[in-house]
C-alpha atoms as a PDB file:
ATOM      1  CA  UNK A   1     -18.945  70.942 -46.112  1.00  0.00           C
ATOM      2  CA  UNK A   2     -15.554  68.678 -46.155  1.00  0.00           C
ATOM      3  CA  UNK A   3     -12.310  68.399 -47.698  1.00  0.00           C
ATOM      4  CA  UNK A   4     -10.188  65.698 -47.797  1.00  0.00           C
ATOM      5  CA  UNK A   5      -6.300  65.643 -46.661  1.00  0.00           C
ATOM      6  CA  UNK A   6      -4.527  62.261 -46.811  1.00  0.00           C
ATOM      7  CA  UNK A   7      -0.914  61.283 -47.095  1.00  0.00           C
ATOM      8  CA  UNK A   8       0.944  60.729 -50.375  1.00  0.00           C
ATOM      9  CA  UNK A   9       0.917  56.834 -49.917  1.00  0.00           C
ATOM     10  CA  UNK A  10      -2.869  56.118 -49.229  1.00  0.00           C
ATOM     11  CA  UNK A  11      -3.969  57.518 -52.470  1.00  0.00           C
ATOM     12  CA  UNK A  12      -6.714  59.635 -52.922  1.00  0.00           C
ATOM     13  CA  UNK A  13     -10.105  58.071 -51.402  1.00  0.00           C
ATOM     14  CA  UNK A  14     -12.841  56.730 -53.315  1.00  0.00           C
ATOM     15  CA  UNK A  15     -16.081  59.102 -53.207  1.00  0.00           C
ATOM     16  CA  UNK A  16     -19.249  57.051 -53.646  1.00  0.00           C
ATOM     17  CA  UNK A  17     -23.184  57.613 -53.283  1.00  0.00           C
ATOM     18  CA  UNK A  18     -24.855  54.854 -51.144  1.00  0.00           C
ATOM     19  CA  UNK A  19     -28.787  54.425 -51.758  1.00  0.00           C
ATOM     20  CA  UNK A  20     -30.526  53.235 -49.031  1.00  0.00           C
ATOM     21  CA  UNK A  21     -33.901  53.761 -47.410  1.00  0.00           C
ATOM     22  CA  UNK A  22     -35.003  56.385 -49.837  1.00  0.00           C
ATOM     23  CA  UNK A  23     -31.724  58.311 -48.910  1.00  0.00           C
ATOM     24  CA  UNK A  24     -28.416  59.025 -50.984  1.00  0.00           C
ATOM     25  CA  UNK A  25     -25.519  58.836 -48.417  1.00  0.00           C
ATOM     26  CA  UNK A  26     -22.512  60.659 -49.523  1.00  0.00           C
ATOM     27  CA  UNK A  27     -19.578  58.413 -48.276  1.00  0.00           C
ATOM     28  CA  UNK A  28     -15.711  58.074 -48.700  1.00  0.00           C
ATOM     29  CA  UNK A  29     -13.381  55.271 -48.578  1.00  0.00           C
ATOM     30  CA  UNK A  30      -9.341  54.906 -48.014  1.00  0.00           C
ATOM     31  CA  UNK A  31      -6.595  52.559 -46.590  1.00  0.00           C
ATOM     32  CA  UNK A  32      -6.624  48.590 -46.421  1.00  0.00           C
ATOM     33  CA  UNK A  33      -6.636  46.595 -42.921  1.00  0.00           C
ATOM     34  CA  UNK A  34      -9.190  46.342 -40.199  1.00  0.00           C
ATOM     35  CA  UNK A  35     -12.075  48.953 -40.534  1.00  0.00           C
ATOM     36  CA  UNK A  36     -12.635  51.921 -38.778  1.00  0.00           C
ATOM     37  CA  UNK A  37     -16.007  53.914 -39.611  1.00  0.00           C
ATOM     38  CA  UNK A  38     -16.010  57.335 -38.504  1.00  0.00           C
ATOM     39  CA  UNK A  39     -19.415  58.737 -37.445  1.00  0.00           C
ATOM     40  CA  UNK A  40     -19.763  62.928 -37.222  1.00  0.00           C
ATOM     41  CA  UNK A  41     -21.447  65.117 -34.826  1.00  0.00           C
ATOM     42  CA  UNK A  42     -24.860  67.196 -35.750  1.00  0.00           C
ATOM     43  CA  UNK A  43     -23.842  70.222 -35.737  1.00  0.00           C
ATOM     44  CA  UNK A  44     -21.027  69.443 -38.526  1.00  0.00           C
ATOM     45  CA  UNK A  45     -20.460  66.633 -41.267  1.00  0.00           C
ATOM     46  CA  UNK A  46     -18.133  63.893 -42.253  1.00  0.00           C
ATOM     47  CA  UNK A  47     -15.643  66.900 -42.813  1.00  0.00           C
ATOM     48  CA  UNK A  48     -14.914  66.552 -39.250  1.00  0.00           C
ATOM     49  CA  UNK A  49     -12.667  63.881 -39.606  1.00  0.00           C
ATOM     50  CA  UNK A  50     -10.524  65.148 -42.420  1.00  0.00           C
ATOM     51  CA  UNK A  51      -7.187  64.961 -40.052  1.00  0.00           C
ATOM     52  CA  UNK A  52      -8.311  61.166 -38.646  1.00  0.00           C
ATOM     53  CA  UNK A  53      -9.559  59.779 -42.160  1.00  0.00           C
ATOM     54  CA  UNK A  54      -6.198  61.017 -43.666  1.00  0.00           C
ATOM     55  CA  UNK A  55      -4.058  59.894 -40.582  1.00  0.00           C
ATOM     56  CA  UNK A  56      -5.588  56.325 -40.202  1.00  0.00           C
ATOM     57  CA  UNK A  57      -5.625  55.043 -43.610  1.00  0.00           C
ATOM     58  CA  UNK A  58      -2.184  54.764 -43.215  1.00  0.00           C
ATOM     59  CA  UNK A  59      -3.040  51.206 -41.521  1.00  0.00           C
ATOM     60  CA  UNK A  60      -6.799  50.626 -41.664  1.00  0.00           C
ATOM     61  CA  UNK A  61      -9.896  50.786 -44.061  1.00  0.00           C
ATOM     62  CA  UNK A  62     -11.476  53.932 -43.286  1.00  0.00           C
ATOM     63  CA  UNK A  63     -14.797  55.008 -44.158  1.00  0.00           C
ATOM     64  CA  UNK A  64     -16.966  58.078 -43.534  1.00  0.00           C
ATOM     65  CA  UNK A  65     -20.128  59.251 -44.542  1.00  0.00           C
ATOM     66  CA  UNK A  66     -22.497  62.235 -44.194  1.00  0.00           C
ATOM     67  CA  UNK A  67     -25.568  60.953 -41.969  1.00  0.00           C
ATOM     68  CA  UNK A  68     -28.773  61.278 -43.030  1.00  0.00           C
ATOM     69  CA  UNK A  69     -29.617  64.847 -43.422  1.00  0.00           C
ATOM     70  CA  UNK A  70     -26.229  66.422 -43.040  1.00  0.00           C
ATOM     71  CA  UNK A  71     -23.545  67.468 -45.484  1.00  0.00           C
ATOM     72  CA  UNK A  72     -24.304  65.749 -49.101  1.00  0.00           C
ATOM     73  CA  UNK A  73     -26.406  63.394 -48.095  1.00  0.00           C
ATOM     74  CA  UNK A  74     -30.322  63.771 -48.453  1.00  0.00           C
ATOM     75  CA  UNK A  75     -32.961  63.534 -46.092  1.00  0.00           C
ATOM     76  CA  UNK A  76     -36.461  62.515 -46.962  1.00  0.00           C
ATOM     77  CA  UNK A  77     -38.988  64.417 -45.310  1.00  0.00           C
ATOM     78  CA  UNK A  78     -41.927  61.639 -44.867  1.00  0.00           C
ATOM     79  CA  UNK A  79     -40.037  58.373 -43.294  1.00  0.00           C
ATOM     80  CA  UNK A  80     -38.959  58.081 -39.934  1.00  0.00           C
ATOM     81  CA  UNK A  81     -35.761  56.647 -39.303  1.00  0.00           C
ATOM     82  CA  UNK A  82     -33.165  55.634 -37.109  1.00  0.00           C
ATOM     83  CA  UNK A  83     -29.563  56.524 -37.174  1.00  0.00           C
ATOM     84  CA  UNK A  84     -27.792  53.164 -36.308  1.00  0.00           C
ATOM     85  CA  UNK A  85     -30.044  51.299 -38.844  1.00  0.00           C
ATOM     86  CA  UNK A  86     -28.626  53.930 -41.396  1.00  0.00           C
ATOM     87  CA  UNK A  87     -25.124  52.899 -40.255  1.00  0.00           C
ATOM     88  CA  UNK A  88     -26.066  49.177 -40.685  1.00  0.00           C
ATOM     89  CA  UNK A  89     -27.154  49.967 -44.431  1.00  0.00           C
ATOM     90  CA  UNK A  90     -23.894  51.830 -45.067  1.00  0.00           C
ATOM     91  CA  UNK A  91     -21.695  48.790 -43.707  1.00  0.00           C
ATOM     92  CA  UNK A  92     -23.994  46.427 -45.448  1.00  0.00           C
ATOM     93  CA  UNK A  93     -23.317  48.232 -48.805  1.00  0.00           C
ATOM     94  CA  UNK A  94     -19.412  48.532 -48.693  1.00  0.00           C
ATOM     95  CA  UNK A  95     -19.329  45.108 -47.628  1.00  0.00           C
ATOM     96  CA  UNK A  96     -17.808  45.740 -43.998  1.00  0.00           C
ATOM     97  CA  UNK A  97     -18.755  43.016 -41.786  1.00  0.00           C
ATOM     98  CA  UNK A  98     -16.737  44.115 -38.593  1.00  0.00           C
ATOM     99  CA  UNK A  99     -15.577  47.658 -37.751  1.00  0.00           C
ATOM    100  CA  UNK A 100     -14.242  49.983 -35.284  1.00  0.00           C
ATOM    101  CA  UNK A 101     -16.587  53.099 -34.895  1.00  0.00           C
ATOM    102  CA  UNK A 102     -15.345  56.576 -34.258  1.00  0.00           C
ATOM    103  CA  UNK A 103     -18.165  58.751 -32.964  1.00  0.00           C
ATOM    104  CA  UNK A 104     -18.801  62.324 -31.729  1.00  0.00           C
ATOM    105  CA  UNK A 105     -21.739  63.759 -30.027  1.00  0.00           C
ATOM    106  CA  UNK A 106     -24.809  62.094 -31.916  1.00  0.00           C
ATOM    107  CA  UNK A 107     -22.368  60.202 -33.634  1.00  0.00           C
ATOM    108  CA  UNK A 108     -21.483  58.581 -30.443  1.00  0.00           C
ATOM    109  CA  UNK A 109     -25.010  57.995 -29.584  1.00  0.00           C
ATOM    110  CA  UNK A 110     -25.442  56.229 -33.385  1.00  0.00           C
ATOM    111  CA  UNK A 111     -22.095  54.175 -32.545  1.00  0.00           C
ATOM    112  CA  UNK A 112     -23.598  52.910 -29.189  1.00  0.00           C
ATOM    113  CA  UNK A 113     -27.150  52.122 -30.340  1.00  0.00           C
ATOM    114  CA  UNK A 114     -25.423  50.212 -33.255  1.00  0.00           C
ATOM    115  CA  UNK A 115     -22.868  48.076 -30.830  1.00  0.00           C
ATOM    116  CA  UNK A 116     -25.675  47.001 -28.359  1.00  0.00           C
ATOM    117  CA  UNK A 117     -28.054  45.969 -31.621  1.00  0.00           C
ATOM    118  CA  UNK A 118     -24.864  44.245 -33.734  1.00  0.00           C
ATOM    119  CA  UNK A 119     -22.031  43.840 -31.041  1.00  0.00           C
ATOM    120  CA  UNK A 120     -20.824  40.773 -33.441  1.00  0.00           C
ATOM    121  CA  UNK A 121     -20.081  43.355 -35.891  1.00  0.00           C
ATOM    122  CA  UNK A 122     -18.138  46.233 -33.448  1.00  0.00           C
ATOM    123  CA  UNK A 123     -14.289  45.564 -32.493  1.00  0.00           C
ATOM    124  CA  UNK A 124     -13.955  49.056 -30.482  1.00  0.00           C
ATOM    125  CA  UNK A 125     -15.386  52.416 -29.406  1.00  0.00           C
ATOM    126  CA  UNK A 126     -14.012  55.829 -29.402  1.00  0.00           C
ATOM    127  CA  UNK A 127     -15.931  58.338 -28.680  1.00  0.00           C
ATOM    128  CA  UNK A 128     -15.386  62.188 -28.699  1.00  0.00           C
ATOM    129  CA  UNK A 129     -17.830  64.528 -26.910  1.00  0.00           C
ATOM    130  CA  UNK A 130     -20.137  61.367 -26.452  1.00  0.00           C
ATOM    131  CA  UNK A 131     -23.850  62.440 -26.787  1.00  0.00           C
ATOM    132  CA  UNK A 132     -26.733  60.659 -26.337  1.00  0.00           C
ATOM    133  CA  UNK A 133     -30.599  61.017 -26.983  1.00  0.00           C
ATOM    134  CA  UNK A 134     -32.505  62.789 -24.287  1.00  0.00           C
ATOM    135  CA  UNK A 135     -28.963  63.377 -22.314  1.00  0.00           C
ATOM    136  CA  UNK A 136     -28.720  67.044 -23.795  1.00  0.00           C
ATOM    137  CA  UNK A 137     -26.968  69.949 -22.222  1.00  0.00           C
ATOM    138  CA  UNK A 138     -29.649  72.819 -20.695  1.00  0.00           C
ATOM    139  CA  UNK A 139     -28.106  74.314 -17.705  1.00  0.00           C
ATOM    140  CA  UNK A 140     -25.622  76.980 -19.198  1.00  0.00           C
ATOM    141  CA  UNK A 141     -27.289  80.358 -20.990  1.00  0.00           C
ATOM    142  CA  UNK A 142     -25.176  79.162 -23.908  1.00  0.00           C
ATOM    143  CA  UNK A 143     -27.306  76.086 -24.384  1.00  0.00           C
ATOM    144  CA  UNK A 144     -30.332  77.088 -23.545  1.00  0.00           C
ATOM    145  CA  UNK A 145     -29.644  79.780 -26.380  1.00  0.00           C
ATOM    146  CA  UNK A 146     -29.043  77.227 -28.466  1.00  0.00           C
ATOM    147  CA  UNK A 147     -32.323  75.128 -27.712  1.00  0.00           C
ATOM    148  CA  UNK A 148     -34.303  78.283 -28.277  1.00  0.00           C
ATOM    149  CA  UNK A 149     -32.640  78.864 -31.473  1.00  0.00           C
ATOM    150  CA  UNK A 150     -33.546  75.347 -32.580  1.00  0.00           C
ATOM    151  CA  UNK A 151     -37.690  75.847 -31.807  1.00  0.00           C
ATOM    152  CA  UNK A 152     -37.347  79.353 -33.721  1.00  0.00           C
ATOM    153  CA  UNK A 153     -35.323  77.401 -36.728  1.00  0.00           C
ATOM    154  CA  UNK A 154     -33.650  80.942 -37.450  1.00  0.00           C
ATOM    155  CA  UNK A 155     -30.774  79.386 -39.602  1.00  0.00           C
ATOM    156  CA  UNK A 156     -28.409  82.488 -38.543  1.00  0.00           C
ATOM    157  CA  UNK A 157     -29.089  82.306 -34.770  1.00  0.00           C
ATOM    158  CA  UNK A 158     -28.803  78.522 -34.840  1.00  0.00           C
ATOM    159  CA  UNK A 159     -25.311  79.104 -36.281  1.00  0.00           C
ATOM    160  CA  UNK A 160     -24.295  81.703 -33.627  1.00  0.00           C
ATOM    161  CA  UNK A 161     -25.909  80.059 -30.430  1.00  0.00           C
ATOM    162  CA  UNK A 162     -24.267  76.371 -31.840  1.00  0.00           C
ATOM    163  CA  UNK A 163     -20.776  78.384 -31.851  1.00  0.00           C
ATOM    164  CA  UNK A 164     -21.054  79.781 -28.635  1.00  0.00           C
ATOM    165  CA  UNK A 165     -22.547  76.501 -26.528  1.00  0.00           C
ATOM    166  CA  UNK A 166     -20.445  73.963 -28.460  1.00  0.00           C
ATOM    167  CA  UNK A 167     -17.244  75.455 -29.856  1.00  0.00           C
ATOM    168  CA  UNK A 168     -16.747  78.176 -27.330  1.00  0.00           C
ATOM    169  CA  UNK A 169     -18.281  76.474 -24.304  1.00  0.00           C
ATOM    170  CA  UNK A 170     -19.524  78.226 -20.978  1.00  0.00           C
ATOM    171  CA  UNK A 171     -16.035  79.279 -20.464  1.00  0.00           C
ATOM    172  CA  UNK A 172     -14.557  80.804 -23.018  1.00  0.00           C
ATOM    173  CA  UNK A 173     -15.312  83.872 -25.310  1.00  0.00           C
ATOM    174  CA  UNK A 174     -15.200  83.696 -28.839  1.00  0.00           C
ATOM    175  CA  UNK A 175     -11.890  85.295 -28.843  1.00  0.00           C
ATOM    176  CA  UNK A 176     -10.593  82.648 -26.510  1.00  0.00           C
ATOM    177  CA  UNK A 177     -11.564  79.827 -28.657  1.00  0.00           C
ATOM    178  CA  UNK A 178      -9.203  78.207 -31.467  1.00  0.00           C
ATOM    179  CA  UNK A 179     -10.191  80.692 -34.281  1.00  0.00           C
ATOM    180  CA  UNK A 180      -9.520  77.750 -37.663  1.00  0.00           C
ATOM    181  CA  UNK A 181     -11.607  75.261 -35.900  1.00  0.00           C
ATOM    182  CA  UNK A 182     -14.070  78.007 -35.107  1.00  0.00           C
ATOM    183  CA  UNK A 183     -14.404  78.587 -38.473  1.00  0.00           C
ATOM    184  CA  UNK A 184     -14.176  74.932 -39.843  1.00  0.00           C
ATOM    185  CA  UNK A 185     -17.063  74.067 -37.824  1.00  0.00           C
ATOM    186  CA  UNK A 186     -19.021  77.437 -38.902  1.00  0.00           C
ATOM    187  CA  UNK A 187     -19.071  76.816 -42.270  1.00  0.00           C
ATOM    188  CA  UNK A 188     -19.961  73.037 -42.199  1.00  0.00           C
ATOM    189  CA  UNK A 189     -22.917  74.030 -39.187  1.00  0.00           C
ATOM    190  CA  UNK A 190     -23.899  76.976 -41.516  1.00  0.00           C
ATOM    191  CA  UNK A 191     -24.635  74.651 -44.408  1.00  0.00           C
ATOM    192  CA  UNK A 192     -26.319  71.821 -42.284  1.00  0.00           C
ATOM    193  CA  UNK A 193     -28.947  74.966 -40.631  1.00  0.00           C
ATOM    194  CA  UNK A 194     -29.247  76.425 -43.784  1.00  0.00           C
ATOM    195  CA  UNK A 195     -30.835  73.531 -45.916  1.00  0.00           C
ATOM    196  CA  UNK A 196     -34.225  72.959 -46.355  1.00  0.00           C
ATOM    197  CA  UNK A 197     -34.061  69.393 -46.318  1.00  0.00           C
ATOM    198  CA  UNK A 198     -31.633  69.309 -43.201  1.00  0.00           C
ATOM    199  CA  UNK A 199     -31.730  67.154 -40.178  1.00  0.00           C
ATOM    200  CA  UNK A 200     -32.471  69.879 -37.895  1.00  0.00           C
ATOM    201  CA  UNK A 201     -35.549  70.974 -39.955  1.00  0.00           C
ATOM    202  CA  UNK A 202     -36.783  66.941 -39.782  1.00  0.00           C
ATOM    203  CA  UNK A 203     -35.266  65.750 -36.346  1.00  0.00           C
ATOM    204  CA  UNK A 204     -38.729  64.772 -35.314  1.00  0.00           C
ATOM    205  CA  UNK A 205     -38.807  61.786 -37.578  1.00  0.00           C
ATOM    206  CA  UNK A 206     -35.621  59.988 -35.717  1.00  0.00           C
ATOM    207  CA  UNK A 207     -36.951  57.028 -34.042  1.00  0.00           C
ATOM    208  CA  UNK A 208     -34.780  55.940 -30.822  1.00  0.00           C
ATOM    209  CA  UNK A 209     -34.360  52.616 -28.971  1.00  0.00           C
ATOM    210  CA  UNK A 210     -37.031  51.820 -26.393  1.00  0.00           C
ATOM    211  CA  UNK A 211     -34.159  51.149 -23.693  1.00  0.00           C
ATOM    212  CA  UNK A 212     -31.458  54.163 -23.975  1.00  0.00           C
ATOM    213  CA  UNK A 213     -27.666  53.042 -24.146  1.00  0.00           C
ATOM    214  CA  UNK A 214     -26.774  54.335 -20.942  1.00  0.00           C
ATOM    215  CA  UNK A 215     -29.309  52.098 -19.362  1.00  0.00           C
ATOM    216  CA  UNK A 216     -27.195  49.282 -20.860  1.00  0.00           C
ATOM    217  CA  UNK A 217     -23.841  49.922 -20.518  1.00  0.00           C
ATOM    218  CA  UNK A 218     -22.697  46.618 -19.029  1.00  0.00           C
ATOM    219  CA  UNK A 219     -23.839  44.654 -22.122  1.00  0.00           C
ATOM    220  CA  UNK A 220     -21.012  46.534 -24.027  1.00  0.00           C
ATOM    221  CA  UNK A 221     -17.673  44.105 -23.836  1.00  0.00           C
ATOM    222  CA  UNK A 222     -15.753  46.038 -26.467  1.00  0.00           C
ATOM    223  CA  UNK A 223     -12.866  48.195 -25.630  1.00  0.00           C
ATOM    224  CA  UNK A 224     -14.125  51.506 -25.452  1.00  0.00           C
ATOM    225  CA  UNK A 225     -12.168  55.371 -25.838  1.00  0.00           C
ATOM    226  CA  UNK A 226     -13.604  58.371 -24.411  1.00  0.00           C
ATOM    227  CA  UNK A 227     -12.545  61.933 -25.025  1.00  0.00           C
ATOM    228  CA  UNK A 228     -14.204  64.888 -23.818  1.00  0.00           C
ATOM    229  CA  UNK A 229     -13.004  68.645 -24.043  1.00  0.00           C
ATOM    230  CA  UNK A 230     -12.827  70.395 -20.615  1.00  0.00           C
ATOM    231  CA  UNK A 231     -14.443  73.587 -22.281  1.00  0.00           C
ATOM    232  CA  UNK A 232     -17.465  71.352 -23.502  1.00  0.00           C
ATOM    233  CA  UNK A 233     -20.658  71.676 -21.688  1.00  0.00           C
ATOM    234  CA  UNK A 234     -21.386  70.339 -18.434  1.00  0.00           C
ATOM    235  CA  UNK A 235     -23.874  67.649 -19.654  1.00  0.00           C
ATOM    236  CA  UNK A 236     -21.283  66.200 -22.085  1.00  0.00           C
ATOM    237  CA  UNK A 237     -18.345  65.845 -19.387  1.00  0.00           C
ATOM    238  CA  UNK A 238     -20.712  64.303 -17.109  1.00  0.00           C
ATOM    239  CA  UNK A 239     -22.005  61.579 -19.616  1.00  0.00           C
ATOM    240  CA  UNK A 240     -18.425  60.682 -20.586  1.00  0.00           C
ATOM    241  CA  UNK A 241     -17.857  60.226 -16.684  1.00  0.00           C
ATOM    242  CA  UNK A 242     -21.003  58.083 -16.553  1.00  0.00           C
ATOM    243  CA  UNK A 243     -20.025  56.254 -19.617  1.00  0.00           C
ATOM    244  CA  UNK A 244     -16.530  55.678 -18.449  1.00  0.00           C
ATOM    245  CA  UNK A 245     -18.059  54.440 -14.886  1.00  0.00           C
ATOM    246  CA  UNK A 246     -20.575  52.120 -16.714  1.00  0.00           C
ATOM    247  CA  UNK A 247     -18.479  50.056 -19.064  1.00  0.00           C
ATOM    248  CA  UNK A 248     -16.678  46.862 -18.416  1.00  0.00           C
ATOM    249  CA  UNK A 249     -13.616  48.280 -20.621  1.00  0.00           C
ATOM    250  CA  UNK A 250     -13.485  51.959 -20.913  1.00  0.00           C
ATOM    251  CA  UNK A 251     -10.607  54.504 -20.477  1.00  0.00           C
ATOM    252  CA  UNK A 252     -11.657  58.338 -20.224  1.00  0.00           C
ATOM    253  CA  UNK A 253      -9.284  61.169 -21.295  1.00  0.00           C
ATOM    254  CA  UNK A 254     -10.248  64.947 -20.641  1.00  0.00           C
ATOM    255  CA  UNK A 255      -8.307  67.274 -23.142  1.00  0.00           C
ATOM    256  CA  UNK A 256      -7.717  70.774 -21.906  1.00  0.00           C
ATOM    257  CA  UNK A 257      -8.488  74.011 -23.691  1.00  0.00           C
ATOM    258  CA  UNK A 258     -11.134  72.022 -26.316  1.00  0.00           C
ATOM    259  CA  UNK A 259     -14.602  72.204 -26.646  1.00  0.00           C
ATOM    260  CA  UNK A 260     -17.254  69.639 -28.167  1.00  0.00           C
ATOM    261  CA  UNK A 261     -15.276  68.836 -31.544  1.00  0.00           C
ATOM    262  CA  UNK A 262     -12.040  67.747 -29.451  1.00  0.00           C
ATOM    263  CA  UNK A 263     -10.580  66.299 -32.454  1.00  0.00           C
ATOM    264  CA  UNK A 264     -11.111  69.467 -34.885  1.00  0.00           C
ATOM    265  CA  UNK A 265      -9.307  71.686 -31.880  1.00  0.00           C
ATOM    266  CA  UNK A 266      -6.692  69.262 -30.824  1.00  0.00           C
ATOM    267  CA  UNK A 267      -5.685  66.900 -33.292  1.00  0.00           C
ATOM    268  CA  UNK A 268      -2.308  67.217 -31.622  1.00  0.00           C
ATOM    269  CA  UNK A 269      -4.241  65.139 -28.689  1.00  0.00           C
ATOM    270  CA  UNK A 270      -6.465  63.172 -30.426  1.00  0.00           C
ATOM    271  CA  UNK A 271      -4.776  61.423 -33.433  1.00  0.00           C
ATOM    272  CA  UNK A 272      -1.957  59.718 -31.293  1.00  0.00           C
ATOM    273  CA  UNK A 273      -4.534  58.670 -28.626  1.00  0.00           C
ATOM    274  CA  UNK A 274      -6.754  56.689 -31.864  1.00  0.00           C
ATOM    275  CA  UNK A 275      -3.397  55.509 -33.163  1.00  0.00           C
ATOM    276  CA  UNK A 276      -2.683  53.947 -29.539  1.00  0.00           C
ATOM    277  CA  UNK A 277      -6.040  52.511 -29.054  1.00  0.00           C
ATOM    278  CA  UNK A 278      -6.406  51.229 -32.113  1.00  0.00           C
ATOM    279  CA  UNK A 279      -2.751  49.505 -32.441  1.00  0.00           C
ATOM    280  CA  UNK A 280      -4.017  47.816 -29.073  1.00  0.00           C
ATOM    281  CA  UNK A 281      -7.547  46.478 -30.157  1.00  0.00           C
ATOM    282  CA  UNK A 282      -5.677  45.235 -32.981  1.00  0.00           C
ATOM    283  CA  UNK A 283      -2.883  43.568 -31.156  1.00  0.00           C
END
């Protein structure tokens, strides 16, 4: 679950429920200006973007929401879906015709799919620890333990293995990780894994595009900022490198001493990068 931190001049965000496709999406908006829509990773919820939501609301209209089956958003157990189609419904409900997309992990995959299907509606992409369907981390013992826990379905095992694989990463011990960030991620992950109607219990309902986005990179003509932690799983780093090489207009930044959720561990690095990138897009 998330908390919200805002600068005084932005005022309190507007929280709202968006009903679409039988789902109640919990969303928050703040600020004015060019739109920035935030898509969280699949181990957390929209609270991942607390700092960015507050900071970017100074100069942008910021929107974040809990994806289907995460945080406070519901998850019908008998309906197939695609996350990028959910994103379209949320943007339509809020009257946002064009937006920059800020996505982490599975949220980055959602952003890529949406940008390919609706290029006219995307001004830029900022992808943190980018993930994509089928491009999973499976080589390290920590990642293998996580996927074994996914198959087993035990919430405690899912939490423990996800923290080891994606917060600590393959080279750090739990004690070497950012403890404040680890605790914050653990709280969001525990909620998601413990839900009877959560995404991880119904992920088989997800439907993805027939041609994966990494095979269509040349079609994406928007500016792209890629940020990845050097302590992330090797496949995540390799995917960011592949995206940087294949996208027509992309910049890759590797952040030391950070795992999968780079923005939570290193906001001191990520927030200035986002501000600079979005200012250049707007110019």
